[in-house]
Amino acid sequence: MSASEFTLVPTTESDRTYIARLNFLTDVFGDEHADIGADFLEDYRFYVKQWDPTNGGLIAWSPKMIPAGGAWLVWGNNNDHGYGYVSEDIPEVAIAIEPRYRGKGVGSILLNKSLELARTLGAPGLSLSVDDGNPRAKKLYERLGFQHIRHSDAGFSIMCYRF
């Protein structure tokens, strides 16, 4: 199965439940049996409850109409933001791929379309965070042109793609 076989559909309010699942997958790195992190509820508040469908997002569907993953944009400010916060005018993309669809190019197509979406919304760039324990994702982000902004003592890097 190649990335071109997946269909990307813009998110709507009705996708919030699936975004909650994707947020969970980001917390446990796809291991559904792993314990959630200590900050899970706060992360849920920011990445799921505060997500506004007008800020955009995408769900990737497999050829058999199984949700394969998604990416959604969140906007923070100096007082309330996610892990990948860079500035108020740059949204952060949150992304997760269902374990069975990893390594099939879904992350690449979601990120490329998220970059297009951020540009369409008038943002000067797109940011994200990547855990030190996720070198495969970090390599993808670097390959797509995301630059390292800073490293957190909590064990993750903040990266940004500027238009």
N, C-alpha and C. Protein backbone atom coordinates (compact mmCIF):
# COMPACT_ATOMS: atom_id res chain seq x y z
N MET A 1 0.86 -1.17 0.00
CA MET A 1 0.00 0.00 0.00
C MET A 1 0.90 1.24 0.00
N SER A 2 0.66 2.14 -0.92
CA SER A 2 1.46 3.36 -1.00
C SER A 2 0.67 4.54 -0.47
N ALA A 3 1.41 5.61 -0.16
CA ALA A 3 0.77 6.81 0.40
C ALA A 3 -0.29 7.37 -0.53
N SER A 4 -0.12 7.22 -1.83
CA SER A 4 -1.08 7.79 -2.77
C SER A 4 -2.45 7.10 -2.71
N GLU A 5 -2.52 5.95 -2.08
CA GLU A 5 -3.79 5.23 -1.97
C GLU A 5 -4.66 5.74 -0.82
N PHE A 6 -4.09 6.57 0.05
CA PHE A 6 -4.83 7.10 1.18
C PHE A 6 -5.58 8.36 0.76
N THR A 7 -6.75 8.54 1.33
CA THR A 7 -7.56 9.72 1.05
C THR A 7 -7.50 10.64 2.27
N LEU A 8 -7.21 11.91 2.05
CA LEU A 8 -7.20 12.89 3.13
C LEU A 8 -8.50 13.66 3.11
N VAL A 9 -9.13 13.74 4.28
CA VAL A 9 -10.41 14.43 4.41
C VAL A 9 -10.26 15.52 5.47
N PRO A 10 -10.68 16.75 5.19
CA PRO A 10 -10.60 17.80 6.20
C PRO A 10 -11.42 17.44 7.44
N THR A 11 -10.90 17.83 8.60
CA THR A 11 -11.60 17.55 9.85
C THR A 11 -12.79 18.48 10.03
N THR A 12 -13.75 17.97 10.79
CA THR A 12 -14.91 18.75 11.21
C THR A 12 -15.11 18.48 12.70
N GLU A 13 -16.08 19.14 13.28
CA GLU A 13 -16.39 18.92 14.70
C GLU A 13 -16.64 17.44 14.98
N SER A 14 -17.24 16.74 14.05
CA SER A 14 -17.56 15.32 14.29
C SER A 14 -16.31 14.44 14.40
N ASP A 15 -15.14 14.98 14.08
CA ASP A 15 -13.89 14.22 14.20
C ASP A 15 -13.21 14.37 15.56
N ARG A 16 -13.80 15.15 16.46
CA ARG A 16 -13.15 15.40 17.75
C ARG A 16 -12.88 14.11 18.52
N THR A 17 -13.78 13.15 18.47
CA THR A 17 -13.57 11.89 19.18
C THR A 17 -12.36 11.16 18.60
N TYR A 18 -12.22 11.15 17.29
CA TYR A 18 -11.06 10.49 16.69
C TYR A 18 -9.78 11.27 17.01
N ILE A 19 -9.86 12.59 17.05
CA ILE A 19 -8.70 13.39 17.44
C ILE A 19 -8.30 13.06 18.87
N ALA A 20 -9.28 12.79 19.73
CA ALA A 20 -8.95 12.37 21.10
C ALA A 20 -8.16 11.06 21.08
N ARG A 21 -8.56 10.14 20.21
CA ARG A 21 -7.80 8.89 20.09
C ARG A 21 -6.39 9.17 19.59
N LEU A 22 -6.27 10.00 18.57
CA LEU A 22 -4.94 10.32 18.05
C LEU A 22 -4.08 10.99 19.11
N ASN A 23 -4.69 11.86 19.91
CA ASN A 23 -3.95 12.50 21.00
C ASN A 23 -3.44 11.44 21.98
N PHE A 24 -4.27 10.45 22.28
CA PHE A 24 -3.85 9.33 23.13
C PHE A 24 -2.66 8.61 22.50
N LEU A 25 -2.72 8.35 21.20
CA LEU A 25 -1.62 7.66 20.53
C LEU A 25 -0.32 8.46 20.60
N THR A 26 -0.42 9.79 20.54
CA THR A 26 0.80 10.59 20.67
C THR A 26 1.39 10.45 22.07
N ASP A 27 0.54 10.31 23.05
CA ASP A 27 1.00 10.22 24.44
C ASP A 27 1.70 8.89 24.71
N VAL A 28 1.21 7.82 24.12
CA VAL A 28 1.77 6.48 24.40
C VAL A 28 2.62 5.96 23.24
N PHE A 29 2.94 6.85 22.29
CA PHE A 29 3.78 6.48 21.13
C PHE A 29 3.24 5.26 20.41
N GLY A 30 1.92 5.19 20.31
CA GLY A 30 1.29 4.11 19.58
C GLY A 30 1.13 2.81 20.35
N ASP A 31 1.68 2.73 21.56
CA ASP A 31 1.57 1.51 22.37
C ASP A 31 0.34 1.64 23.26
N GLU A 32 -0.77 1.09 22.82
CA GLU A 32 -2.03 1.27 23.52
C GLU A 32 -2.05 0.65 24.91
N HIS A 33 -1.07 -0.17 25.23
CA HIS A 33 -1.01 -0.79 26.56
C HIS A 33 -0.10 -0.02 27.52
N ALA A 34 0.58 0.99 27.01
CA ALA A 34 1.48 1.79 27.84
C ALA A 34 0.67 2.70 28.76
N ASP A 35 1.28 3.07 29.87
CA ASP A 35 0.66 4.02 30.78
C ASP A 35 0.66 5.41 30.14
N ILE A 36 -0.39 6.16 30.39
CA ILE A 36 -0.42 7.54 29.90
C ILE A 36 0.49 8.40 30.76
N GLY A 37 0.91 9.52 30.20
CA GLY A 37 1.81 10.41 30.91
C GLY A 37 1.10 11.19 32.01
N ALA A 38 1.88 11.73 32.91
CA ALA A 38 1.34 12.48 34.05
C ALA A 38 0.56 13.71 33.60
N ASP A 39 0.91 14.28 32.46
CA ASP A 39 0.26 15.50 31.97
C ASP A 39 -0.84 15.22 30.95
N PHE A 40 -1.30 13.98 30.86
CA PHE A 40 -2.25 13.61 29.82
C PHE A 40 -3.51 14.47 29.83
N LEU A 41 -4.10 14.71 30.98
CA LEU A 41 -5.35 15.48 31.03
C LEU A 41 -5.14 16.93 30.60
N GLU A 42 -4.02 17.51 30.97
CA GLU A 42 -3.72 18.87 30.53
C GLU A 42 -3.48 18.90 29.02
N ASP A 43 -2.78 17.90 28.52
CA ASP A 43 -2.56 17.81 27.08
C ASP A 43 -3.89 17.64 26.35
N TYR A 44 -4.76 16.81 26.90
CA TYR A 44 -6.09 16.59 26.31
C TYR A 44 -6.86 17.92 26.24
N ARG A 45 -6.78 18.69 27.32
CA ARG A 45 -7.47 19.98 27.35
C ARG A 45 -6.99 20.87 26.20
N PHE A 46 -5.68 20.95 26.02
CA PHE A 46 -5.17 21.85 24.99
C PHE A 46 -5.34 21.28 23.58
N TYR A 47 -4.92 20.06 23.38
CA TYR A 47 -4.89 19.50 22.02
C TYR A 47 -6.24 19.00 21.51
N VAL A 48 -7.15 18.68 22.41
CA VAL A 48 -8.45 18.14 21.97
C VAL A 48 -9.58 19.11 22.29
N LYS A 49 -9.76 19.45 23.56
CA LYS A 49 -10.90 20.29 23.94
C LYS A 49 -10.81 21.69 23.34
N GLN A 50 -9.61 22.25 23.29
CA GLN A 50 -9.46 23.61 22.76
C GLN A 50 -9.30 23.65 21.24
N TRP A 51 -9.16 22.48 20.63
CA TRP A 51 -9.03 22.46 19.17
C TRP A 51 -10.29 23.04 18.55
N ASP A 52 -10.09 23.89 17.56
CA ASP A 52 -11.19 24.52 16.84
C ASP A 52 -11.17 23.98 15.41
N PRO A 53 -12.26 23.36 14.97
CA PRO A 53 -12.27 22.80 13.61
C PRO A 53 -11.93 23.81 12.52
N THR A 54 -12.20 25.10 12.77
CA THR A 54 -11.88 26.10 11.75
C THR A 54 -10.37 26.30 11.61
N ASN A 55 -9.60 25.82 12.59
CA ASN A 55 -8.14 25.91 12.51
C ASN A 55 -7.55 24.81 11.64
N GLY A 56 -8.36 23.84 11.32
CA GLY A 56 -7.95 22.85 10.35
C GLY A 56 -7.37 21.57 10.90
N GLY A 57 -7.44 20.60 10.05
CA GLY A 57 -6.89 19.29 10.33
C GLY A 57 -7.28 18.34 9.21
N LEU A 58 -6.69 17.17 9.23
CA LEU A 58 -6.93 16.18 8.19
C LEU A 58 -6.95 14.79 8.79
N ILE A 59 -7.83 13.96 8.28
CA ILE A 59 -7.85 12.55 8.64
C ILE A 59 -7.47 11.77 7.39
N ALA A 60 -6.54 10.83 7.54
CA ALA A 60 -6.14 9.96 6.44
C ALA A 60 -6.96 8.67 6.52
N TRP A 61 -7.56 8.30 5.41
CA TRP A 61 -8.37 7.08 5.33
C TRP A 61 -7.69 6.10 4.39
N SER A 62 -7.66 4.84 4.81
CA SER A 62 -7.09 3.79 3.97
C SER A 62 -8.03 3.50 2.80
N PRO A 63 -7.57 2.76 1.80
CA PRO A 63 -8.45 2.40 0.69
C PRO A 63 -9.69 1.61 1.13
N LYS A 64 -9.62 0.96 2.29
CA LYS A 64 -10.77 0.20 2.80
C LYS A 64 -11.58 1.02 3.79
N MET A 65 -11.35 2.35 3.78
CA MET A 65 -12.07 3.30 4.63
C MET A 65 -11.87 3.05 6.12
N ILE A 66 -10.64 2.76 6.50
CA ILE A 66 -10.23 2.65 7.90
C ILE A 66 -9.40 3.89 8.21
N PRO A 67 -9.72 4.61 9.30
CA PRO A 67 -8.90 5.78 9.62
C PRO A 67 -7.47 5.35 9.93
N ALA A 68 -6.52 5.97 9.23
CA ALA A 68 -5.12 5.59 9.33
C ALA A 68 -4.30 6.56 10.17
N GLY A 69 -4.86 7.71 10.48
CA GLY A 69 -4.14 8.71 11.25
C GLY A 69 -4.68 10.08 10.95
N GLY A 70 -4.07 11.06 11.56
CA GLY A 70 -4.54 12.42 11.33
C GLY A 70 -3.56 13.45 11.83
N ALA A 71 -3.80 14.68 11.41
CA ALA A 71 -3.02 15.83 11.84
C ALA A 71 -3.99 16.98 12.05
N TRP A 72 -3.77 17.74 13.10
CA TRP A 72 -4.66 18.87 13.37
C TRP A 72 -3.83 20.03 13.90
N LEU A 73 -4.27 21.24 13.55
CA LEU A 73 -3.54 22.44 13.91
C LEU A 73 -4.14 23.07 15.16
N VAL A 74 -3.25 23.47 16.06
CA VAL A 74 -3.66 24.16 17.29
C VAL A 74 -2.84 25.44 17.41
N TRP A 75 -3.47 26.46 17.92
CA TRP A 75 -2.83 27.76 18.08
C TRP A 75 -2.70 28.05 19.56
N GLY A 76 -1.52 28.39 19.98
CA GLY A 76 -1.29 28.72 21.37
C GLY A 76 -0.91 30.18 21.53
N ASN A 77 -0.68 30.56 22.77
CA ASN A 77 -0.16 31.89 23.07
C ASN A 77 0.86 31.74 24.19
N ASN A 78 1.46 32.83 24.61
CA ASN A 78 2.52 32.75 25.62
C ASN A 78 2.07 32.10 26.92
N ASN A 79 0.78 32.19 27.23
CA ASN A 79 0.28 31.65 28.50
C ASN A 79 -0.35 30.27 28.39
N ASP A 80 -0.74 29.86 27.21
CA ASP A 80 -1.44 28.58 27.03
C ASP A 80 -1.04 27.99 25.68
N HIS A 81 -0.23 26.97 25.72
CA HIS A 81 0.27 26.42 24.47
C HIS A 81 0.69 24.96 24.64
N GLY A 82 0.94 24.33 23.50
CA GLY A 82 1.39 22.95 23.48
C GLY A 82 2.90 22.84 23.53
N TYR A 83 3.38 21.63 23.39
CA TYR A 83 4.81 21.36 23.48
C TYR A 83 5.61 21.99 22.34
N GLY A 84 5.00 22.12 21.18
CA GLY A 84 5.71 22.62 20.01
C GLY A 84 5.54 24.11 19.77
N TYR A 85 5.13 24.84 20.79
CA TYR A 85 4.86 26.28 20.64
C TYR A 85 6.12 27.05 20.26
N VAL A 86 5.98 27.90 19.24
CA VAL A 86 7.06 28.79 18.82
C VAL A 86 6.63 30.24 19.00
N SER A 87 5.45 30.59 18.48
CA SER A 87 4.93 31.95 18.63
C SER A 87 3.43 31.94 18.33
N GLU A 88 2.76 33.03 18.71
CA GLU A 88 1.31 33.10 18.54
C GLU A 88 0.86 33.02 17.09
N ASP A 89 1.70 33.44 16.17
CA ASP A 89 1.28 33.45 14.76
C ASP A 89 1.62 32.16 14.01
N ILE A 90 2.25 31.22 14.69
CA ILE A 90 2.61 29.95 14.06
C ILE A 90 1.85 28.82 14.75
N PRO A 91 0.97 28.14 14.03
CA PRO A 91 0.25 27.02 14.65
C PRO A 91 1.18 25.82 14.85
N GLU A 92 0.79 25.00 15.78
CA GLU A 92 1.49 23.73 16.02
C GLU A 92 0.66 22.62 15.39
N VAL A 93 1.32 21.70 14.73
CA VAL A 93 0.61 20.54 14.20
C VAL A 93 0.81 19.37 15.17
N ALA A 94 -0.29 18.73 15.50
CA ALA A 94 -0.25 17.48 16.26
C ALA A 94 -0.56 16.38 15.25
N ILE A 95 0.18 15.29 15.31
CA ILE A 95 0.02 14.24 14.31
C ILE A 95 0.20 12.88 14.95
N ALA A 96 -0.60 11.94 14.51
CA ALA A 96 -0.45 10.55 14.97
C ALA A 96 -0.90 9.63 13.84
N ILE A 97 -0.22 8.51 13.74
CA ILE A 97 -0.54 7.50 12.74
C ILE A 97 -0.91 6.22 13.49
N GLU A 98 -1.98 5.60 13.06
CA GLU A 98 -2.36 4.31 13.64
C GLU A 98 -1.20 3.33 13.42
N PRO A 99 -0.87 2.53 14.45
CA PRO A 99 0.29 1.63 14.34
C PRO A 99 0.32 0.77 13.08
N ARG A 100 -0.81 0.27 12.64
CA ARG A 100 -0.81 -0.63 11.47
C ARG A 100 -0.47 0.09 10.17
N TYR A 101 -0.49 1.43 10.18
CA TYR A 101 -0.22 2.18 8.96
C TYR A 101 1.11 2.93 8.99
N ARG A 102 1.91 2.70 10.00
CA ARG A 102 3.22 3.36 10.06
C ARG A 102 4.14 2.81 8.98
N GLY A 103 5.00 3.67 8.49
CA GLY A 103 5.95 3.25 7.47
C GLY A 103 5.38 3.18 6.07
N LYS A 104 4.18 3.70 5.88
CA LYS A 104 3.52 3.64 4.56
C LYS A 104 3.40 5.02 3.91
N GLY A 105 4.04 6.02 4.49
CA GLY A 105 4.00 7.36 3.91
C GLY A 105 2.86 8.24 4.37
N VAL A 106 2.05 7.74 5.29
CA VAL A 106 0.90 8.52 5.76
C VAL A 106 1.36 9.79 6.48
N GLY A 107 2.40 9.68 7.30
CA GLY A 107 2.91 10.85 8.01
C GLY A 107 3.38 11.94 7.05
N SER A 108 4.05 11.53 6.00
CA SER A 108 4.55 12.50 5.01
C SER A 108 3.41 13.24 4.33
N ILE A 109 2.39 12.50 3.89
CA ILE A 109 1.30 13.19 3.19
C ILE A 109 0.51 14.08 4.14
N LEU A 110 0.34 13.64 5.39
CA LEU A 110 -0.37 14.48 6.36
C LEU A 110 0.42 15.76 6.66
N LEU A 111 1.73 15.64 6.83
CA LEU A 111 2.53 16.82 7.12
C LEU A 111 2.58 17.78 5.94
N ASN A 112 2.75 17.25 4.75
CA ASN A 112 2.78 18.13 3.57
C ASN A 112 1.47 18.88 3.40
N LYS A 113 0.36 18.20 3.60
CA LYS A 113 -0.95 18.88 3.50
C LYS A 113 -1.16 19.84 4.67
N SER A 114 -0.61 19.52 5.84
CA SER A 114 -0.70 20.44 6.98
C SER A 114 0.09 21.71 6.71
N LEU A 115 1.23 21.58 6.06
CA LEU A 115 2.00 22.76 5.67
C LEU A 115 1.19 23.63 4.71
N GLU A 116 0.55 23.01 3.74
CA GLU A 116 -0.31 23.75 2.81
C GLU A 116 -1.45 24.45 3.55
N LEU A 117 -2.04 23.74 4.50
CA LEU A 117 -3.14 24.30 5.27
C LEU A 117 -2.69 25.52 6.08
N ALA A 118 -1.56 25.40 6.77
CA ALA A 118 -1.05 26.52 7.56
C ALA A 118 -0.77 27.73 6.67
N ARG A 119 -0.20 27.48 5.52
CA ARG A 119 0.09 28.57 4.57
C ARG A 119 -1.21 29.23 4.11
N THR A 120 -2.22 28.41 3.82
CA THR A 120 -3.53 28.92 3.39
C THR A 120 -4.16 29.79 4.47
N LEU A 121 -3.92 29.42 5.73
CA LEU A 121 -4.47 30.18 6.86
C LEU A 121 -3.67 31.46 7.13
N GLY A 122 -2.61 31.68 6.37
CA GLY A 122 -1.82 32.90 6.52
C GLY A 122 -0.72 32.83 7.55
N ALA A 123 -0.43 31.66 8.06
CA ALA A 123 0.64 31.52 9.05
C ALA A 123 2.00 31.60 8.36
N PRO A 124 3.01 32.14 9.06
CA PRO A 124 4.35 32.20 8.47
C PRO A 124 5.13 30.89 8.60
N GLY A 125 4.52 29.90 9.22
CA GLY A 125 5.21 28.63 9.39
C GLY A 125 4.33 27.64 10.13
N LEU A 126 4.92 26.51 10.48
CA LEU A 126 4.23 25.45 11.20
C LEU A 126 5.24 24.82 12.15
N SER A 127 4.83 24.62 13.39
CA SER A 127 5.74 24.04 14.38
C SER A 127 5.23 22.69 14.84
N LEU A 128 6.11 21.97 15.54
CA LEU A 128 5.74 20.69 16.14
C LEU A 128 6.76 20.36 17.22
N SER A 129 6.45 19.34 17.98
CA SER A 129 7.41 18.81 18.95
C SER A 129 7.61 17.34 18.65
N VAL A 130 8.80 16.86 18.97
CA VAL A 130 9.09 15.44 18.77
C VAL A 130 9.92 14.94 19.95
N ASP A 131 9.48 13.85 20.52
CA ASP A 131 10.14 13.25 21.67
C ASP A 131 11.49 12.66 21.26
N ASP A 132 12.45 12.75 22.16
CA ASP A 132 13.77 12.17 21.90
C ASP A 132 13.69 10.67 21.62
N GLY A 133 12.66 10.02 22.15
CA GLY A 133 12.49 8.59 21.95
C GLY A 133 11.81 8.23 20.64
N ASN A 134 11.65 9.20 19.75
CA ASN A 134 10.99 8.97 18.47
C ASN A 134 11.88 9.43 17.30
N PRO A 135 13.05 8.78 17.15
CA PRO A 135 13.98 9.23 16.11
C PRO A 135 13.45 9.08 14.69
N ARG A 136 12.58 8.12 14.47
CA ARG A 136 12.02 7.93 13.13
C ARG A 136 11.20 9.15 12.70
N ALA A 137 10.36 9.65 13.62
CA ALA A 137 9.57 10.84 13.32
C ALA A 137 10.48 12.05 13.13
N LYS A 138 11.48 12.17 14.00
CA LYS A 138 12.39 13.31 13.89
C LYS A 138 13.08 13.33 12.52
N LYS A 139 13.48 12.18 12.05
CA LYS A 139 14.12 12.08 10.74
C LYS A 139 13.16 12.52 9.63
N LEU A 140 11.89 12.12 9.74
CA LEU A 140 10.88 12.54 8.76
C LEU A 140 10.75 14.05 8.76
N TYR A 141 10.63 14.65 9.94
CA TYR A 141 10.44 16.09 10.03
C TYR A 141 11.63 16.83 9.42
N GLU A 142 12.83 16.35 9.70
CA GLU A 142 14.03 16.97 9.14
C GLU A 142 14.03 16.84 7.61
N ARG A 143 13.66 15.68 7.12
CA ARG A 143 13.63 15.44 5.67
C ARG A 143 12.64 16.39 4.98
N LEU A 144 11.54 16.70 5.66
CA LEU A 144 10.53 17.59 5.08
C LEU A 144 10.89 19.07 5.22
N GLY A 145 11.97 19.38 5.93
CA GLY A 145 12.43 20.76 6.02
C GLY A 145 12.19 21.45 7.35
N PHE A 146 11.71 20.74 8.35
CA PHE A 146 11.56 21.34 9.67
C PHE A 146 12.95 21.55 10.28
N GLN A 147 13.13 22.71 10.92
CA GLN A 147 14.41 23.06 11.54
C GLN A 147 14.28 23.00 13.06
N HIS A 148 15.37 22.62 13.72
CA HIS A 148 15.39 22.57 15.18
C HIS A 148 15.37 24.01 15.72
N ILE A 149 14.47 24.26 16.66
CA ILE A 149 14.38 25.57 17.30
C ILE A 149 15.05 25.52 18.67
N ARG A 150 14.66 24.53 19.45
CA ARG A 150 15.27 24.35 20.77
C ARG A 150 14.95 22.96 21.28
N HIS A 151 15.66 22.59 22.33
CA HIS A 151 15.44 21.30 22.98
C HIS A 151 14.95 21.56 24.39
N SER A 152 13.98 20.80 24.81
CA SER A 152 13.42 20.93 26.16
C SER A 152 14.12 19.98 27.11
N ASP A 153 14.27 20.41 28.34
CA ASP A 153 14.82 19.53 29.38
C ASP A 153 13.91 18.34 29.63
N ALA A 154 12.66 18.44 29.20
CA ALA A 154 11.70 17.34 29.38
C ALA A 154 11.90 16.22 28.35
N GLY A 155 12.86 16.38 27.43
CA GLY A 155 13.19 15.30 26.51
C GLY A 155 12.52 15.35 25.16
N PHE A 156 12.27 16.55 24.65
CA PHE A 156 11.72 16.67 23.30
C PHE A 156 12.30 17.89 22.61
N SER A 157 12.25 17.86 21.29
CA SER A 157 12.71 18.97 20.47
C SER A 157 11.53 19.73 19.90
N ILE A 158 11.69 21.02 19.78
CA ILE A 158 10.71 21.87 19.12
C ILE A 158 11.29 22.21 17.75
N MET A 159 10.48 21.98 16.73
CA MET A 159 10.92 22.18 15.35
C MET A 159 9.92 23.09 14.64
N CYS A 160 10.41 23.77 13.61
CA CYS A 160 9.54 24.69 12.88
C CYS A 160 9.91 24.69 11.41
N TYR A 161 8.90 24.77 10.60
CA TYR A 161 9.05 24.96 9.15
C TYR A 161 8.55 26.36 8.86
N ARG A 162 9.42 27.20 8.31
CA ARG A 162 9.03 28.58 7.98
C ARG A 162 8.85 28.72 6.48
N PHE A 163 7.79 29.42 6.10
CA PHE A 163 7.49 29.61 4.68
C PHE A 163 8.31 30.75 4.12
